[in-house]
PDB file of N, CA and C in Angstrom:
ATOM      1  N   UNK A   1     101.284 141.723 104.256  1.00  0.00           N
ATOM      2  CA  UNK A   1     100.765 142.885 103.611  1.00  0.00           C
ATOM      3  C   UNK A   1     101.509 144.126 104.053  1.00  0.00           C
ATOM      4  N   UNK A   2     102.784 144.182 103.735  1.00  0.00           N
ATOM      5  CA  UNK A   2     103.599 145.327 104.101  1.00  0.00           C
ATOM      6  C   UNK A   2     103.866 146.173 102.867  1.00  0.00           C
ATOM      7  N   UNK A   3     102.939 146.914 102.473  1.00  0.00           N
ATOM      8  CA  UNK A   3     103.101 147.770 101.314  1.00  0.00           C
ATOM      9  C   UNK A   3     103.683 149.114 101.712  1.00  0.00           C
ATOM     10  N   UNK A   4     103.685 150.039 100.797  1.00  0.00           N
ATOM     11  CA  UNK A   4     104.193 151.381 101.092  1.00  0.00           C
ATOM     12  C   UNK A   4     103.391 152.031 102.225  1.00  0.00           C
ATOM     13  N   UNK A   5     104.115 152.690 103.131  1.00  0.00           N
ATOM     14  CA  UNK A   5     103.445 153.372 104.232  1.00  0.00           C
ATOM     15  C   UNK A   5     103.283 152.524 105.469  1.00  0.00           C
ATOM     16  N   UNK A   6     103.711 151.280 105.428  1.00  0.00           N
ATOM     17  CA  UNK A   6     103.568 150.388 106.572  1.00  0.00           C
ATOM     18  C   UNK A   6     104.939 150.013 107.105  1.00  0.00           C
ATOM     19  N   UNK A   7     105.029 149.649 108.344  1.00  0.00           N
ATOM     20  CA  UNK A   7     106.287 149.165 108.902  1.00  0.00           C
ATOM     21  C   UNK A   7     107.170 150.293 109.427  1.00  0.00           C
ATOM     22  N   UNK A   8     108.456 149.977 109.588  1.00  0.00           N
ATOM     23  CA  UNK A   8     109.397 150.913 110.196  1.00  0.00           C
ATOM     24  C   UNK A   8     110.416 151.389 109.162  1.00  0.00           C
ATOM     25  N   UNK A   9     109.976 151.984 108.122  1.00  0.00           N
ATOM     26  CA  UNK A   9     110.887 152.481 107.101  1.00  0.00           C
ATOM     27  C   UNK A   9     111.631 153.722 107.583  1.00  0.00           C
ATOM     28  N   UNK A  10     112.670 154.102 106.855  1.00  0.00           N
ATOM     29  CA  UNK A  10     113.451 155.280 107.248  1.00  0.00           C
ATOM     30  C   UNK A  10     112.615 156.542 107.108  1.00  0.00           C
ATOM     31  N   UNK A  11     111.971 156.708 106.016  1.00  0.00           N
ATOM     32  CA  UNK A  11     111.095 157.859 105.821  1.00  0.00           C
ATOM     33  C   UNK A  11     111.795 159.182 106.100  1.00  0.00           C
ATOM     34  N   UNK A  12     111.085 160.116 106.700  1.00  0.00           N
ATOM     35  CA  UNK A  12     111.624 161.447 106.967  1.00  0.00           C
ATOM     36  C   UNK A  12     112.392 161.506 108.289  1.00  0.00           C
ATOM     37  N   UNK A  13     112.197 160.558 109.193  1.00  0.00           N
ATOM     38  CA  UNK A  13     112.817 160.627 110.510  1.00  0.00           C
ATOM     39  C   UNK A  13     114.124 159.878 110.623  1.00  0.00           C
ATOM     40  N   UNK A  14     114.665 159.366 109.554  1.00  0.00           N
ATOM     41  CA  UNK A  14     115.882 158.572 109.613  1.00  0.00           C
ATOM     42  C   UNK A  14     117.108 159.366 110.024  1.00  0.00           C
ATOM     43  N   UNK A  15     117.150 160.642 109.718  1.00  0.00           N
ATOM     44  CA  UNK A  15     118.316 161.466 110.057  1.00  0.00           C
ATOM     45  C   UNK A  15     118.342 161.926 111.492  1.00  0.00           C
ATOM     46  N   UNK A  16     117.252 161.732 112.213  1.00  0.00           N
ATOM     47  CA  UNK A  16     117.208 162.208 113.595  1.00  0.00           C
ATOM     48  C   UNK A  16     118.190 161.445 114.479  1.00  0.00           C
ATOM     49  N   UNK A  17     118.467 160.174 114.176  1.00  0.00           N
ATOM     50  CA  UNK A  17     119.449 159.409 114.955  1.00  0.00           C
ATOM     51  C   UNK A  17     120.847 159.988 114.776  1.00  0.00           C
ATOM     52  N   UNK A  18     121.142 160.426 113.571  1.00  0.00           N
ATOM     53  CA  UNK A  18     122.444 161.027 113.306  1.00  0.00           C
ATOM     54  C   UNK A  18     122.598 162.333 114.083  1.00  0.00           C
ATOM     55  N   UNK A  19     121.587 163.155 114.074  1.00  0.00           N
ATOM     56  CA  UNK A  19     121.626 164.428 114.798  1.00  0.00           C
ATOM     57  C   UNK A  19     121.717 164.187 116.301  1.00  0.00           C
ATOM     58  N   UNK A  20     120.956 163.230 116.812  1.00  0.00           N
ATOM     59  CA  UNK A  20     121.012 162.920 118.244  1.00  0.00           C
ATOM     60  C   UNK A  20     122.405 162.427 118.630  1.00  0.00           C
ATOM     61  N   UNK A  21     123.013 161.618 117.800  1.00  0.00           N
ATOM     62  CA  UNK A  21     124.372 161.139 118.064  1.00  0.00           C
ATOM     63  C   UNK A  21     125.381 162.273 118.079  1.00  0.00           C
ATOM     64  N   UNK A  22     125.234 163.215 117.146  1.00  0.00           N
ATOM     65  CA  UNK A  22     126.133 164.370 117.120  1.00  0.00           C
ATOM     66  C   UNK A  22     125.971 165.235 118.366  1.00  0.00           C
ATOM     67  N   UNK A  23     124.749 165.420 118.821  1.00  0.00           N
ATOM     68  CA  UNK A  23     124.507 166.206 120.033  1.00  0.00           C
ATOM     69  C   UNK A  23     125.168 165.543 121.235  1.00  0.00           C
ATOM     70  N   UNK A  24     125.055 164.226 121.330  1.00  0.00           N
ATOM     71  CA  UNK A  24     125.679 163.500 122.445  1.00  0.00           C
ATOM     72  C   UNK A  24     127.199 163.628 122.370  1.00  0.00           C
ATOM     73  N   UNK A  25     127.786 163.470 121.185  1.00  0.00           N
ATOM     74  CA  UNK A  25     129.239 163.599 121.033  1.00  0.00           C
ATOM     75  C   UNK A  25     129.722 165.003 121.384  1.00  0.00           C
ATOM     76  N   UNK A  26     128.999 166.014 120.963  1.00  0.00           N
ATOM     77  CA  UNK A  26     129.365 167.393 121.299  1.00  0.00           C
ATOM     78  C   UNK A  26     129.265 167.611 122.802  1.00  0.00           C
ATOM     79  N   UNK A  27     128.242 167.040 123.421  1.00  0.00           N
ATOM     80  CA  UNK A  27     128.097 167.154 124.873  1.00  0.00           C
ATOM     81  C   UNK A  27     129.267 166.526 125.609  1.00  0.00           C
ATOM     82  N   UNK A  28     129.692 165.332 125.180  1.00  0.00           N
ATOM     83  CA  UNK A  28     130.852 164.687 125.803  1.00  0.00           C
ATOM     84  C   UNK A  28     132.122 165.507 125.596  1.00  0.00           C
ATOM     85  N   UNK A  29     132.276 166.089 124.403  1.00  0.00           N
ATOM     86  CA  UNK A  29     133.466 166.900 124.129  1.00  0.00           C
ATOM     87  C   UNK A  29     133.505 168.130 125.033  1.00  0.00           C
ATOM     88  N   UNK A  30     132.374 168.787 125.210  1.00  0.00           N
ATOM     89  CA  UNK A  30     132.312 169.958 126.095  1.00  0.00           C
ATOM     90  C   UNK A  30     132.625 169.550 127.524  1.00  0.00           C
ATOM     91  N   UNK A  31     132.063 168.455 127.981  1.00  0.00           N
ATOM     92  CA  UNK A  31     132.328 167.961 129.338  1.00  0.00           C
ATOM     93  C   UNK A  31     133.813 167.665 129.526  1.00  0.00           C
ATOM     94  N   UNK A  32     134.424 167.004 128.555  1.00  0.00           N
ATOM     95  CA  UNK A  32     135.839 166.639 128.641  1.00  0.00           C
ATOM     96  C   UNK A  32     136.723 167.881 128.752  1.00  0.00           C
ATOM     97  N   UNK A  33     136.481 168.874 127.895  1.00  0.00           N
ATOM     98  CA  UNK A  33     137.316 170.074 127.916  1.00  0.00           C
ATOM     99  C   UNK A  33     137.095 170.899 129.175  1.00  0.00           C
ATOM    100  N   UNK A  34     135.865 170.962 129.660  1.00  0.00           N
ATOM    101  CA  UNK A  34     135.600 171.707 130.894  1.00  0.00           C
ATOM    102  C   UNK A  34     136.262 171.017 132.083  1.00  0.00           C
ATOM    103  N   UNK A  35     136.212 169.702 132.120  1.00  0.00           N
ATOM    104  CA  UNK A  35     136.814 168.962 133.229  1.00  0.00           C
ATOM    105  C   UNK A  35     138.323 169.153 133.248  1.00  0.00           C
ATOM    106  N   UNK A  36     138.974 169.053 132.104  1.00  0.00           N
ATOM    107  CA  UNK A  36     140.424 169.226 132.043  1.00  0.00           C
ATOM    108  C   UNK A  36     140.828 170.650 132.368  1.00  0.00           C
ATOM    109  N   UNK A  37     140.080 171.621 131.926  1.00  0.00           N
ATOM    110  CA  UNK A  37     140.397 173.017 132.206  1.00  0.00           C
ATOM    111  C   UNK A  37     140.268 173.303 133.692  1.00  0.00           C
ATOM    112  N   UNK A  38     139.231 172.798 134.337  1.00  0.00           N
ATOM    113  CA  UNK A  38     139.042 173.032 135.768  1.00  0.00           C
ATOM    114  C   UNK A  38     140.106 172.340 136.594  1.00  0.00           C
ATOM    115  N   UNK A  39     140.531 171.154 136.204  1.00  0.00           N
ATOM    116  CA  UNK A  39     141.574 170.456 136.955  1.00  0.00           C
ATOM    117  C   UNK A  39     142.878 171.224 136.936  1.00  0.00           C
ATOM    118  N   UNK A  40     143.252 171.780 135.790  1.00  0.00           N
ATOM    119  CA  UNK A  40     144.504 172.526 135.714  1.00  0.00           C
ATOM    120  C   UNK A  40     144.452 173.773 136.576  1.00  0.00           C
ATOM    121  N   UNK A  41     143.354 174.488 136.536  1.00  0.00           N
ATOM    122  CA  UNK A  41     143.253 175.714 137.323  1.00  0.00           C
ATOM    123  C   UNK A  41     143.237 175.422 138.809  1.00  0.00           C
ATOM    124  N   UNK A  42     142.521 174.407 139.224  1.00  0.00           N
ATOM    125  CA  UNK A  42     142.440 174.118 140.648  1.00  0.00           C
ATOM    126  C   UNK A  42     143.773 173.615 141.179  1.00  0.00           C
ATOM    127  N   UNK A  43     144.537 172.899 140.362  1.00  0.00           N
ATOM    128  CA  UNK A  43     145.840 172.417 140.813  1.00  0.00           C
ATOM    129  C   UNK A  43     146.773 173.595 141.063  1.00  0.00           C
ATOM    130  N   UNK A  44     146.815 174.537 140.129  1.00  0.00           N
ATOM    131  CA  UNK A  44     147.708 175.681 140.291  1.00  0.00           C
ATOM    132  C   UNK A  44     147.301 176.541 141.470  1.00  0.00           C
ATOM    133  N   UNK A  45     146.016 176.773 141.637  1.00  0.00           N
ATOM    134  CA  UNK A  45     145.573 177.626 142.735  1.00  0.00           C
ATOM    135  C   UNK A  45     145.779 176.946 144.079  1.00  0.00           C
ATOM    136  N   UNK A  46     145.580 175.635 144.163  1.00  0.00           N
ATOM    137  CA  UNK A  46     145.784 174.952 145.439  1.00  0.00           C
ATOM    138  C   UNK A  46     147.260 174.919 145.801  1.00  0.00           C
ATOM    139  N   UNK A  47     148.123 174.816 144.805  1.00  0.00           N
ATOM    140  CA  UNK A  47     149.556 174.826 145.070  1.00  0.00           C
ATOM    141  C   UNK A  47     149.971 176.197 145.600  1.00  0.00           C
ATOM    142  N   UNK A  48     149.419 177.255 145.047  1.00  0.00           N
ATOM    143  CA  UNK A  48     149.730 178.607 145.502  1.00  0.00           C
ATOM    144  C   UNK A  48     149.210 178.823 146.920  1.00  0.00           C
ATOM    145  N   UNK A  49     148.020 178.343 147.215  1.00  0.00           N
ATOM    146  CA  UNK A  49     147.439 178.498 148.546  1.00  0.00           C
ATOM    147  C   UNK A  49     148.259 177.780 149.607  1.00  0.00           C
ATOM    148  N   UNK A  50     148.797 176.616 149.286  1.00  0.00           N
ATOM    149  CA  UNK A  50     149.557 175.864 150.280  1.00  0.00           C
ATOM    150  C   UNK A  50     150.841 176.585 150.650  1.00  0.00           C
ATOM    151  N   UNK A  51     151.504 177.243 149.676  1.00  0.00           N
ATOM    152  CA  UNK A  51     152.719 177.981 150.016  1.00  0.00           C
ATOM    153  C   UNK A  51     152.387 179.220 150.828  1.00  0.00           C
ATOM    154  N   UNK A  52     151.242 179.854 150.568  1.00  0.00           N
ATOM    155  CA  UNK A  52     150.807 181.000 151.355  1.00  0.00           C
ATOM    156  C   UNK A  52     150.496 180.561 152.781  1.00  0.00           C
ATOM    157  N   UNK A  53     149.836 179.431 152.933  1.00  0.00           N
ATOM    158  CA  UNK A  53     149.534 178.910 154.266  1.00  0.00           C
ATOM    159  C   UNK A  53     150.814 178.593 155.030  1.00  0.00           C
ATOM    160  N   UNK A  54     151.794 178.022 154.338  1.00  0.00           N
ATOM    161  CA  UNK A  54     153.059 177.695 154.993  1.00  0.00           C
ATOM    162  C   UNK A  54     153.774 178.963 155.447  1.00  0.00           C
ATOM    163  N   UNK A  55     153.677 180.021 154.647  1.00  0.00           N
ATOM    164  CA  UNK A  55     154.300 181.291 155.022  1.00  0.00           C
ATOM    165  C   UNK A  55     153.622 181.872 156.258  1.00  0.00           C
ATOM    166  N   UNK A  56     152.305 181.758 156.318  1.00  0.00           N
ATOM    167  CA  UNK A  56     151.582 182.249 157.497  1.00  0.00           C
ATOM    168  C   UNK A  56     151.984 181.471 158.749  1.00  0.00           C
ATOM    169  N   UNK A  57     152.164 180.181 158.615  1.00  0.00           N
ATOM    170  CA  UNK A  57     152.594 179.359 159.752  1.00  0.00           C
ATOM    171  C   UNK A  57     153.989 179.787 160.203  1.00  0.00           C
ATOM    172  N   UNK A  58     154.879 180.025 159.236  1.00  0.00           N
ATOM    173  CA  UNK A  58     156.239 180.452 159.583  1.00  0.00           C
ATOM    174  C   UNK A  58     156.221 181.800 160.298  1.00  0.00           C
ATOM    175  N   UNK A  59     155.364 182.712 159.839  1.00  0.00           N
ATOM    176  CA  UNK A  59     155.264 184.027 160.496  1.00  0.00           C
ATOM    177  C   UNK A  59     154.776 183.885 161.934  1.00  0.00           C
ATOM    178  N   UNK A  60     153.804 183.019 162.136  1.00  0.00           N
ATOM    179  CA  UNK A  60     153.290 182.807 163.494  1.00  0.00           C
ATOM    180  C   UNK A  60     154.348 182.179 164.389  1.00  0.00           C
ATOM    181  N   UNK A  61     155.110 181.237 163.844  1.00  0.00           N
ATOM    182  CA  UNK A  61     156.173 180.609 164.636  1.00  0.00           C
ATOM    183  C   UNK A  61     157.249 181.623 165.001  1.00  0.00           C
ATOM    184  N   UNK A  62     157.566 182.534 164.077  1.00  0.00           N
ATOM    185  CA  UNK A  62     158.539 183.587 164.369  1.00  0.00           C
ATOM    186  C   UNK A  62     158.007 184.507 165.458  1.00  0.00           C
ATOM    187  N   UNK A  63     156.735 184.857 165.367  1.00  0.00           N
ATOM    188  CA  UNK A  63     156.133 185.748 166.362  1.00  0.00           C
ATOM    189  C   UNK A  63     156.107 185.105 167.744  1.00  0.00           C
ATOM    190  N   UNK A  64     155.904 183.799 167.817  1.00  0.00           N
ATOM    191  CA  UNK A  64     155.887 183.105 169.110  1.00  0.00           C
ATOM    192  C   UNK A  64     157.290 182.825 169.634  1.00  0.00           C
ATOM    193  N   UNK A  65     158.296 183.036 168.796  1.00  0.00           N
ATOM    194  CA  UNK A  65     159.672 182.797 169.216  1.00  0.00           C
ATOM    195  C   UNK A  65     160.121 181.364 169.047  1.00  0.00           C
ATOM    196  N   UNK A  66     159.382 180.576 168.300  1.00  0.00           N
ATOM    197  CA  UNK A  66     159.752 179.175 168.089  1.00  0.00           C
ATOM    198  C   UNK A  66     160.935 179.037 167.136  1.00  0.00           C
ATOM    199  N   UNK A  67     161.094 180.002 166.217  1.00  0.00           N
ATOM    200  CA  UNK A  67     162.209 179.971 165.273  1.00  0.00           C
ATOM    201  C   UNK A  67     162.920 181.315 165.300  1.00  0.00           C
ATOM    202  N   UNK A  68     164.168 181.323 164.855  1.00  0.00           N
ATOM    203  CA  UNK A  68     164.948 182.565 164.813  1.00  0.00           C
ATOM    204  C   UNK A  68     164.704 183.269 163.486  1.00  0.00           C
ATOM    205  N   UNK A  69     165.219 184.498 163.380  1.00  0.00           N
ATOM    206  CA  UNK A  69     165.098 185.246 162.124  1.00  0.00           C
ATOM    207  C   UNK A  69     165.812 184.525 160.984  1.00  0.00           C
ATOM    208  N   UNK A  70     166.963 183.934 161.269  1.00  0.00           N
ATOM    209  CA  UNK A  70     167.706 183.208 160.234  1.00  0.00           C
ATOM    210  C   UNK A  70     166.906 182.001 159.736  1.00  0.00           C
ATOM    211  N   UNK A  71     166.273 181.283 160.648  1.00  0.00           N
ATOM    212  CA  UNK A  71     165.451 180.137 160.249  1.00  0.00           C
ATOM    213  C   UNK A  71     164.244 180.592 159.431  1.00  0.00           C
ATOM    214  N   UNK A  72     163.663 181.721 159.836  1.00  0.00           N
ATOM    215  CA  UNK A  72     162.520 182.265 159.092  1.00  0.00           C
ATOM    216  C   UNK A  72     162.930 182.638 157.669  1.00  0.00           C
ATOM    217  N   UNK A  73     164.084 183.274 157.520  1.00  0.00           N
ATOM    218  CA  UNK A  73     164.561 183.661 156.186  1.00  0.00           C
ATOM    219  C   UNK A  73     164.822 182.428 155.319  1.00  0.00           C
ATOM    220  N   UNK A  74     165.340 181.371 155.910  1.00  0.00           N
ATOM    221  CA  UNK A  74     165.579 180.126 155.172  1.00  0.00           C
ATOM    222  C   UNK A  74     164.256 179.523 154.692  1.00  0.00           C
ATOM    223  N   UNK A  75     163.266 179.507 155.564  1.00  0.00           N
ATOM    224  CA  UNK A  75     161.937 179.001 155.190  1.00  0.00           C
ATOM    225  C   UNK A  75     161.349 179.856 154.077  1.00  0.00           C
ATOM    226  N   UNK A  76     161.502 181.157 154.200  1.00  0.00           N
ATOM    227  CA  UNK A  76     160.970 182.098 153.210  1.00  0.00           C
ATOM    228  C   UNK A  76     161.605 181.860 151.838  1.00  0.00           C
ATOM    229  N   UNK A  77     162.918 181.621 151.793  1.00  0.00           N
ATOM    230  CA  UNK A  77     163.605 181.343 150.519  1.00  0.00           C
ATOM    231  C   UNK A  77     163.065 180.068 149.875  1.00  0.00           C
ATOM    232  N   UNK A  78     162.839 179.061 150.686  1.00  0.00           N
ATOM    233  CA  UNK A  78     162.349 177.784 150.145  1.00  0.00           C
ATOM    234  C   UNK A  78     160.928 177.900 149.604  1.00  0.00           C
ATOM    235  N   UNK A  79     160.109 178.691 150.275  1.00  0.00           N
ATOM    236  CA  UNK A  79     158.709 178.804 149.853  1.00  0.00           C
ATOM    237  C   UNK A  79     158.541 179.704 148.637  1.00  0.00           C
ATOM    238  N   UNK A  80     159.328 180.722 148.535  1.00  0.00           N
ATOM    239  CA  UNK A  80     159.182 181.662 147.429  1.00  0.00           C
ATOM    240  C   UNK A  80     160.201 181.361 146.385  1.00  0.00           C
TER     241      UNK A  80
END
């Protein structure tokens, strides 16, 4: 006795699965683009920080007398 109004017909709620799927796909797309954007920025900034740290180490070594001015200038050319 499955007449009209009984069972699991599409009815008015059939499109909700499509909308839910679109929301999930948009969410994944936003996550993907945010992740890729953050990776690029962090790579560039970490690379810049490491050369700055190396320059600070070279300055300290020069101040302690571990390296000469010529060696310091050579290190400076390589880092910059």
